[in-house]
Amino acid sequence: MVDQLLTLARLDSGKTELGAEPVNVAGVAAEALEAIRPAAEHGGVSVSLEAKGAAWSLGDPKWLSQIADNLVA
């Protein structure tokens, strides 16, 4: 949590630059779900993603992955 607050502070102060490139958001979401799938299944929880093909957006792949990870964790 401390790391997340520090990250927010750096973003807010403008000390961290965000990239802008095409990112497949559906792929980022799928990777985040695959990362938590073993723990979810161990806890008896099923996770799934319904996406019909790619969903492209401009963004920073690193930060979009971090956001997806935070949302599914």
Protein backbone atom coordinates (compact mmCIF):
# COMPACT_ATOMS: atom_id res chain seq x y z
CA MET A 1 0.00 0.00 0.00
CA VAL A 2 2.87 2.37 0.76
CA ASP A 3 4.29 1.72 -2.71
CA GLN A 4 0.93 2.53 -4.26
CA LEU A 5 0.71 5.81 -2.35
CA LEU A 6 4.24 6.74 -3.40
CA THR A 7 3.37 5.95 -7.00
CA LEU A 8 0.28 8.17 -6.80
CA ALA A 9 2.36 10.97 -5.30
CA ARG A 10 4.94 10.71 -8.12
CA LEU A 11 2.19 10.73 -10.76
CA ASP A 12 0.47 13.69 -9.11
CA SER A 13 3.71 15.68 -8.92
CA GLY A 14 4.53 15.04 -12.57
CA LYS A 15 7.76 13.18 -11.74
CA THR A 16 6.63 10.08 -13.62
CA GLU A 17 6.00 10.19 -17.33
CA LEU A 18 3.33 8.05 -18.93
CA GLY A 19 3.75 6.59 -22.38
CA ALA A 20 1.11 6.63 -25.07
CA GLU A 21 1.18 3.64 -27.38
CA PRO A 22 -1.42 1.19 -28.67
CA VAL A 23 -2.22 -1.38 -25.97
CA ASN A 24 -4.57 -4.34 -26.21
CA VAL A 25 -6.56 -3.76 -23.03
CA ALA A 26 -8.31 -7.12 -23.34
CA GLY A 27 -4.89 -8.79 -23.39
CA VAL A 28 -3.77 -6.83 -20.34
CA ALA A 29 -6.92 -7.92 -18.48
CA ALA A 30 -6.38 -11.54 -19.51
CA GLU A 31 -2.80 -11.47 -18.22
CA ALA A 32 -3.95 -10.02 -14.88
CA LEU A 33 -6.56 -12.77 -14.49
CA GLU A 34 -4.08 -15.50 -15.39
CA ALA A 35 -1.71 -14.19 -12.74
CA ILE A 36 -4.32 -14.58 -9.98
CA ARG A 37 -6.02 -17.71 -11.31
CA PRO A 38 -4.00 -20.22 -9.20
CA ALA A 39 -4.73 -18.37 -5.95
CA ALA A 40 -8.37 -17.89 -6.89
CA GLU A 41 -8.86 -21.57 -7.72
CA HIS A 42 -7.08 -22.56 -4.51
CA GLY A 43 -9.67 -20.46 -2.67
CA GLY A 44 -12.54 -21.99 -4.61
CA VAL A 45 -13.14 -18.87 -6.71
CA SER A 46 -13.64 -18.99 -10.46
CA VAL A 47 -12.35 -16.12 -12.58
CA SER A 48 -13.13 -15.52 -16.24
CA LEU A 49 -12.96 -12.88 -18.92
CA GLU A 50 -15.38 -12.47 -21.79
CA ALA A 51 -13.77 -10.44 -24.53
CA LYS A 52 -14.55 -10.65 -28.22
CA GLY A 53 -11.20 -9.96 -29.78
CA ALA A 54 -8.78 -7.18 -29.03
CA ALA A 55 -9.77 -3.90 -27.41
CA TRP A 56 -7.16 -1.32 -28.33
CA SER A 57 -6.46 1.93 -26.53
CA LEU A 58 -3.60 4.39 -26.28
CA GLY A 59 -1.81 4.16 -22.98
CA ASP A 60 1.25 3.11 -21.06
CA PRO A 61 1.39 -0.71 -21.02
CA LYS A 62 3.25 -0.83 -17.70
CA TRP A 63 0.72 1.35 -15.91
CA LEU A 64 -2.30 -0.29 -17.51
CA SER A 65 -0.97 -3.66 -16.34
CA GLN A 66 -0.54 -2.26 -12.82
CA ILE A 67 -4.09 -0.93 -12.85
CA ALA A 68 -5.48 -4.28 -14.03
CA ASP A 69 -3.48 -6.12 -11.38
CA ASN A 70 -4.82 -3.81 -8.68
CA LEU A 71 -8.40 -4.26 -9.87
CA VAL A 72 -8.33 -8.05 -9.76
CA ALA A 73 -6.26 -8.44 -6.60
